[in-house]
């Protein structure tokens, strides 16, 4: 992928890789009119971010059981009704910018040094299974600098790395459940029973605006509720640890 005047652009193989499809499928979609032709510069064909978004939309519709012919008709109807640009904008709003993480790449030896003897090869294998680590030769990449720092803080306080990973796995499940609930609310009450294919161009634009408004709010809601829960739990733990001598009644005795 390269950048041209601030816009991402892709060669054919790069577009296929970014969308997670085979190149031959990409060619087939073009032949069937599902994907617009690329812009050519000499002998090089360049695909845009809009091509990537549309390719992902096609893949999603295929996964929902639509045939290629049905998708062609659906896209054609959206184009004739002027709703395709809103639909592509909605797809962008729904899938982009939910997660902004800074990955960290380092030699494997450096990772072992950071965690010390508390980190084992089994821990590394499990971290990779959970999606935290990816290995490329002698280098390892952690997908999130913030999550790596949190894991290091816990490990340096004596928490076994295996238990840190246990909590990471639990948080992944809990986060997925929260996400499912929010998505369910949005699907039922904002998109509606008919699904996206029954929405008008104007309504698609309204849904895209709703997604854009929802994205920052969801994170704040989760953060706020977790902070409140932690404050209450830490207070209760301190009261338990300090015992009755900390209260005014105990001091008066």
Foldseek 3Di string as FASTA:
>chain_A
DDADPNWDKDFLVRLCVLLVHDSVVVVVCVVVVQAPFADDDVPTGIHTVLRSLSSNVVVVVVVVPDDSVRSVVLCVVCVVLVQPVLLSLLSCLQPPDLDDADKDKDFPVVVCVLLDPLDDPVLVVLCVVLPQWDDDVRMIMGRHPVLVVVLSVCSVVPDRSVVSVVVVVVVVVVVVVLVVVVVVCCVPPQQHDVHPSPDHSVSSNVSSVVSNVVSVVSVVVVVVVVVVVVVVVVVVVVCVVVDPCVDPVNVVD
